[in-house]
Amino acid sequence: MERLSGLLSWTLSRVLWLSGLSERGAARQPRIMEEKALEVYDLIRTIRDPEKPNTLEELEVVTESCVEVQEINEEDYLVIIRFTPTVPHCSLATLIGLCLRVKLQRCLPFKHKLEIYISEGTHSTEEDINKQINDKERVAAAMENPSLRGIVEQCVLEPD
């Protein structure tokens, strides 16, 4: 009887762990979000700066810590990016935000809602830019402009 009780206890704890309902299963959740955040970072780190021959990673515009992923439900995730322009008056911050949005919308392999922000206190007009890069209509209008679309395409092009 003792052996049966032990086997039943082990089976139940294994089921709870696999379903994510136990403490050990709950510990898997942050790890999954970290893996998704790294997946996002791997996509955005190679985006080229619109002015310089460097990537956003090389210029430290994006870092691993600027990406956050939260689970909305079993299939949907909220991806939050907080990027840091190279200077507080960077005239291309909106374009960088647009590049981030385009690249992630095209390449993320999981369902997501995307929020992109300039890191607090790192740009003189961060509030206005945050509104622009998170407004679907403005983003769509920007991508209809052939010259702007060309610049974005060059920036998000994967390196050889």
C-alpha atoms as a PDB file:
ATOM      1  CA  MET A   1       0.000   0.000   0.000  1.00  0.00           C
ATOM      2  CA  GLU A   2       2.859   2.336   0.866  1.00  0.00           C
ATOM      3  CA  ARG A   3       4.453   1.690  -2.526  1.00  0.00           C
ATOM      4  CA  LEU A   4       1.168   2.409  -4.323  1.00  0.00           C
ATOM      5  CA  SER A   5       0.742   5.641  -2.367  1.00  0.00           C
ATOM      6  CA  GLY A   6       4.284   6.704  -3.309  1.00  0.00           C
ATOM      7  CA  LEU A   7       3.696   5.877  -6.964  1.00  0.00           C
ATOM      8  CA  LEU A   8       0.411   7.796  -6.965  1.00  0.00           C
ATOM      9  CA  SER A   9       2.064  10.796  -5.289  1.00  0.00           C
ATOM     10  CA  TRP A  10       4.916  10.767  -7.833  1.00  0.00           C
ATOM     11  CA  THR A  11       2.474  10.489 -10.749  1.00  0.00           C
ATOM     12  CA  LEU A  12       0.340  13.336  -9.460  1.00  0.00           C
ATOM     13  CA  SER A  13       3.347  15.610  -8.900  1.00  0.00           C
ATOM     14  CA  ARG A  14       4.620  14.800 -12.415  1.00  0.00           C
ATOM     15  CA  VAL A  15       1.235  15.642 -13.970  1.00  0.00           C
ATOM     16  CA  LEU A  16       1.092  18.921 -12.042  1.00  0.00           C
ATOM     17  CA  TRP A  17       4.656  19.756 -13.041  1.00  0.00           C
ATOM     18  CA  LEU A  18       4.012  19.068 -16.722  1.00  0.00           C
ATOM     19  CA  SER A  19       0.819  21.115 -16.667  1.00  0.00           C
ATOM     20  CA  GLY A  20       2.612  24.052 -15.039  1.00  0.00           C
ATOM     21  CA  LEU A  21       0.436  23.956 -11.914  1.00  0.00           C
ATOM     22  CA  SER A  22       3.162  23.034  -9.455  1.00  0.00           C
ATOM     23  CA  GLU A  23       5.893  25.317  -8.157  1.00  0.00           C
ATOM     24  CA  ARG A  24       8.449  23.652 -10.382  1.00  0.00           C
ATOM     25  CA  GLY A  25       6.097  24.070 -13.363  1.00  0.00           C
ATOM     26  CA  ALA A  26       5.513  27.690 -12.444  1.00  0.00           C
ATOM     27  CA  ALA A  27       9.277  28.162 -12.514  1.00  0.00           C
ATOM     28  CA  ARG A  28       9.215  27.117 -16.192  1.00  0.00           C
ATOM     29  CA  GLN A  29       7.076  30.152 -17.090  1.00  0.00           C
ATOM     30  CA  PRO A  30       9.810  32.801 -16.600  1.00  0.00           C
ATOM     31  CA  ARG A  31      12.246  30.597 -18.509  1.00  0.00           C
ATOM     32  CA  ILE A  32       9.840  30.382 -21.456  1.00  0.00           C
ATOM     33  CA  MET A  33       9.399  34.169 -21.451  1.00  0.00           C
ATOM     34  CA  GLU A  34      13.194  34.621 -21.322  1.00  0.00           C
ATOM     35  CA  GLU A  35      13.573  32.281 -24.306  1.00  0.00           C
ATOM     36  CA  LYS A  36      10.956  34.227 -26.264  1.00  0.00           C
ATOM     37  CA  ALA A  37      12.654  37.518 -25.328  1.00  0.00           C
ATOM     38  CA  LEU A  38      15.984  36.169 -26.633  1.00  0.00           C
ATOM     39  CA  GLU A  39      14.229  35.068 -29.809  1.00  0.00           C
ATOM     40  CA  VAL A  40      12.921  38.635 -30.251  1.00  0.00           C
ATOM     41  CA  TYR A  41      16.342  40.109 -29.487  1.00  0.00           C
ATOM     42  CA  ASP A  42      18.012  37.864 -32.059  1.00  0.00           C
ATOM     43  CA  LEU A  43      15.665  39.299 -34.683  1.00  0.00           C
ATOM     44  CA  ILE A  44      16.142  42.980 -33.841  1.00  0.00           C
ATOM     45  CA  ARG A  45      19.835  43.083 -33.018  1.00  0.00           C
ATOM     46  CA  THR A  46      20.846  42.829 -36.700  1.00  0.00           C
ATOM     47  CA  ILE A  47      18.706  45.774 -37.860  1.00  0.00           C
ATOM     48  CA  ARG A  48      20.978  48.398 -39.391  1.00  0.00           C
ATOM     49  CA  ASP A  49      21.013  51.998 -38.256  1.00  0.00           C
ATOM     50  CA  PRO A  50      19.530  54.272 -40.970  1.00  0.00           C
ATOM     51  CA  GLU A  51      22.557  56.640 -40.861  1.00  0.00           C
ATOM     52  CA  LYS A  52      25.500  54.493 -39.859  1.00  0.00           C
ATOM     53  CA  PRO A  53      26.896  51.188 -41.164  1.00  0.00           C
ATOM     54  CA  ASN A  54      26.372  49.628 -37.719  1.00  0.00           C
ATOM     55  CA  THR A  55      23.641  47.426 -36.326  1.00  0.00           C
ATOM     56  CA  LEU A  56      21.367  48.565 -33.524  1.00  0.00           C
ATOM     57  CA  GLU A  57      23.137  46.070 -31.265  1.00  0.00           C
ATOM     58  CA  GLU A  58      26.583  47.493 -32.066  1.00  0.00           C
ATOM     59  CA  LEU A  59      25.348  51.007 -31.261  1.00  0.00           C
ATOM     60  CA  GLU A  60      23.634  49.729 -28.082  1.00  0.00           C
ATOM     61  CA  VAL A  61      20.303  51.087 -29.290  1.00  0.00           C
ATOM     62  CA  VAL A  62      18.927  47.642 -28.395  1.00  0.00           C
ATOM     63  CA  THR A  63      20.201  45.217 -25.772  1.00  0.00           C
ATOM     64  CA  GLU A  64      18.909  41.928 -24.394  1.00  0.00           C
ATOM     65  CA  SER A  65      17.492  43.760 -21.392  1.00  0.00           C
ATOM     66  CA  CYS A  66      15.371  46.076 -23.583  1.00  0.00           C
ATOM     67  CA  VAL A  67      13.088  43.190 -24.602  1.00  0.00           C
ATOM     68  CA  GLU A  68      10.263  41.938 -22.409  1.00  0.00           C
ATOM     69  CA  VAL A  69       7.748  39.234 -23.260  1.00  0.00           C
ATOM     70  CA  GLN A  70       4.572  38.620 -21.260  1.00  0.00           C
ATOM     71  CA  GLU A  71       2.022  35.888 -21.793  1.00  0.00           C
ATOM     72  CA  ILE A  72      -1.448  37.232 -22.632  1.00  0.00           C
ATOM     73  CA  ASN A  73      -2.960  33.756 -22.934  1.00  0.00           C
ATOM     74  CA  GLU A  74      -1.825  30.303 -24.070  1.00  0.00           C
ATOM     75  CA  GLU A  75      -1.207  31.381 -27.661  1.00  0.00           C
ATOM     76  CA  ASP A  76      -0.672  35.154 -27.508  1.00  0.00           C
ATOM     77  CA  TYR A  77       2.205  37.193 -26.135  1.00  0.00           C
ATOM     78  CA  LEU A  78       2.833  40.857 -25.448  1.00  0.00           C
ATOM     79  CA  VAL A  79       6.253  41.922 -26.729  1.00  0.00           C
ATOM     80  CA  ILE A  80       7.580  45.181 -25.293  1.00  0.00           C
ATOM     81  CA  ILE A  81      10.697  46.810 -26.727  1.00  0.00           C
ATOM     82  CA  ARG A  82      12.361  49.808 -25.068  1.00  0.00           C
ATOM     83  CA  PHE A  83      15.131  51.121 -27.295  1.00  0.00           C
ATOM     84  CA  THR A  84      17.667  53.868 -26.600  1.00  0.00           C
ATOM     85  CA  PRO A  85      18.530  56.351 -29.371  1.00  0.00           C
ATOM     86  CA  THR A  86      22.205  57.222 -29.682  1.00  0.00           C
ATOM     87  CA  VAL A  87      21.549  60.889 -28.794  1.00  0.00           C
ATOM     88  CA  PRO A  88      18.641  62.629 -26.996  1.00  0.00           C
ATOM     89  CA  HIS A  89      17.715  64.617 -30.129  1.00  0.00           C
ATOM     90  CA  CYS A  90      18.082  61.740 -32.636  1.00  0.00           C
ATOM     91  CA  SER A  91      16.053  62.689 -35.706  1.00  0.00           C
ATOM     92  CA  LEU A  92      15.777  59.068 -36.815  1.00  0.00           C
ATOM     93  CA  ALA A  93      14.268  57.616 -33.632  1.00  0.00           C
ATOM     94  CA  THR A  94      10.851  57.273 -35.297  1.00  0.00           C
ATOM     95  CA  LEU A  95      12.432  55.487 -38.257  1.00  0.00           C
ATOM     96  CA  ILE A  96      14.283  53.111 -35.919  1.00  0.00           C
ATOM     97  CA  GLY A  97      10.995  52.338 -34.149  1.00  0.00           C
ATOM     98  CA  LEU A  98       9.372  51.688 -37.529  1.00  0.00           C
ATOM     99  CA  CYS A  99      12.188  49.301 -38.484  1.00  0.00           C
ATOM    100  CA  LEU A 100      11.764  47.402 -35.212  1.00  0.00           C
ATOM    101  CA  ARG A 101       8.009  47.088 -35.802  1.00  0.00           C
ATOM    102  CA  VAL A 102       8.333  45.958 -39.437  1.00  0.00           C
ATOM    103  CA  LYS A 103      11.010  43.370 -38.690  1.00  0.00           C
ATOM    104  CA  LEU A 104       9.069  41.833 -35.792  1.00  0.00           C
ATOM    105  CA  GLN A 105       5.730  41.845 -37.609  1.00  0.00           C
ATOM    106  CA  ARG A 106       7.353  39.943 -40.469  1.00  0.00           C
ATOM    107  CA  CYS A 107       9.551  37.540 -38.567  1.00  0.00           C
ATOM    108  CA  LEU A 108       8.134  36.643 -35.154  1.00  0.00           C
ATOM    109  CA  PRO A 109       7.014  33.016 -35.264  1.00  0.00           C
ATOM    110  CA  PHE A 110       4.412  33.358 -32.510  1.00  0.00           C
ATOM    111  CA  LYS A 111       1.198  35.390 -32.175  1.00  0.00           C
ATOM    112  CA  HIS A 112       1.916  38.682 -30.494  1.00  0.00           C
ATOM    113  CA  LYS A 113       0.883  42.203 -29.650  1.00  0.00           C
ATOM    114  CA  LEU A 114       3.750  44.612 -30.069  1.00  0.00           C
ATOM    115  CA  GLU A 115       4.551  47.739 -28.056  1.00  0.00           C
ATOM    116  CA  ILE A 116       7.643  49.765 -28.883  1.00  0.00           C
ATOM    117  CA  TYR A 117       8.877  52.641 -26.744  1.00  0.00           C
ATOM    118  CA  ILE A 118      11.888  54.862 -26.441  1.00  0.00           C
ATOM    119  CA  SER A 119      13.556  54.240 -23.080  1.00  0.00           C
ATOM    120  CA  GLU A 120      12.314  56.797 -20.588  1.00  0.00           C
ATOM    121  CA  GLY A 121      14.412  59.943 -20.419  1.00  0.00           C
ATOM    122  CA  THR A 122      16.593  59.126 -23.449  1.00  0.00           C
ATOM    123  CA  HIS A 123      14.964  61.373 -26.078  1.00  0.00           C
ATOM    124  CA  SER A 124      13.686  64.937 -26.055  1.00  0.00           C
ATOM    125  CA  THR A 125      10.374  64.033 -27.785  1.00  0.00           C
ATOM    126  CA  GLU A 126       9.949  60.443 -26.611  1.00  0.00           C
ATOM    127  CA  GLU A 127       6.248  60.810 -25.813  1.00  0.00           C
ATOM    128  CA  ASP A 128       5.363  61.975 -29.341  1.00  0.00           C
ATOM    129  CA  ILE A 129       7.529  59.323 -30.975  1.00  0.00           C
ATOM    130  CA  ASN A 130       6.063  56.576 -28.773  1.00  0.00           C
ATOM    131  CA  LYS A 131       2.589  57.570 -29.978  1.00  0.00           C
ATOM    132  CA  GLN A 132       3.681  57.521 -33.619  1.00  0.00           C
ATOM    133  CA  ILE A 133       5.384  54.129 -33.596  1.00  0.00           C
ATOM    134  CA  ASN A 134       2.485  52.474 -31.788  1.00  0.00           C
ATOM    135  CA  ASP A 135      -0.244  53.933 -34.021  1.00  0.00           C
ATOM    136  CA  LYS A 136      -1.220  51.363 -36.688  1.00  0.00           C
ATOM    137  CA  GLU A 137      -2.590  53.985 -39.085  1.00  0.00           C
ATOM    138  CA  ARG A 138       0.561  56.109 -38.935  1.00  0.00           C
ATOM    139  CA  VAL A 139       2.751  53.046 -39.409  1.00  0.00           C
ATOM    140  CA  ALA A 140       0.686  51.928 -42.423  1.00  0.00           C
ATOM    141  CA  ALA A 141       0.833  55.438 -43.915  1.00  0.00           C
ATOM    142  CA  ALA A 142       4.601  55.596 -43.423  1.00  0.00           C
ATOM    143  CA  MET A 143       5.084  52.254 -45.161  1.00  0.00           C
ATOM    144  CA  GLU A 144       3.084  53.509 -48.172  1.00  0.00           C
ATOM    145  CA  ASN A 145       5.765  56.144 -48.791  1.00  0.00           C
ATOM    146  CA  PRO A 146       8.143  54.507 -51.343  1.00  0.00           C
ATOM    147  CA  SER A 147      11.319  56.279 -50.190  1.00  0.00           C
ATOM    148  CA  LEU A 148      10.624  55.579 -46.512  1.00  0.00           C
ATOM    149  CA  ARG A 149       9.750  51.954 -47.296  1.00  0.00           C
ATOM    150  CA  GLY A 150      13.052  51.637 -49.185  1.00  0.00           C
ATOM    151  CA  ILE A 151      15.025  52.874 -46.191  1.00  0.00           C
ATOM    152  CA  VAL A 152      13.183  50.489 -43.848  1.00  0.00           C
ATOM    153  CA  GLU A 153      13.803  47.566 -46.238  1.00  0.00           C
ATOM    154  CA  GLN A 154      17.536  48.330 -46.286  1.00  0.00           C
ATOM    155  CA  CYS A 155      17.677  48.523 -42.499  1.00  0.00           C
ATOM    156  CA  VAL A 156      15.818  45.250 -41.848  1.00  0.00           C
ATOM    157  CA  LEU A 157      17.607  43.294 -44.592  1.00  0.00           C
ATOM    158  CA  GLU A 158      19.401  40.299 -43.053  1.00  0.00           C
ATOM    159  CA  PRO A 159      23.205  40.500 -43.271  1.00  0.00           C
ATOM    160  CA  ASP A 160      24.981  37.908 -45.409  1.00  0.00           C
END
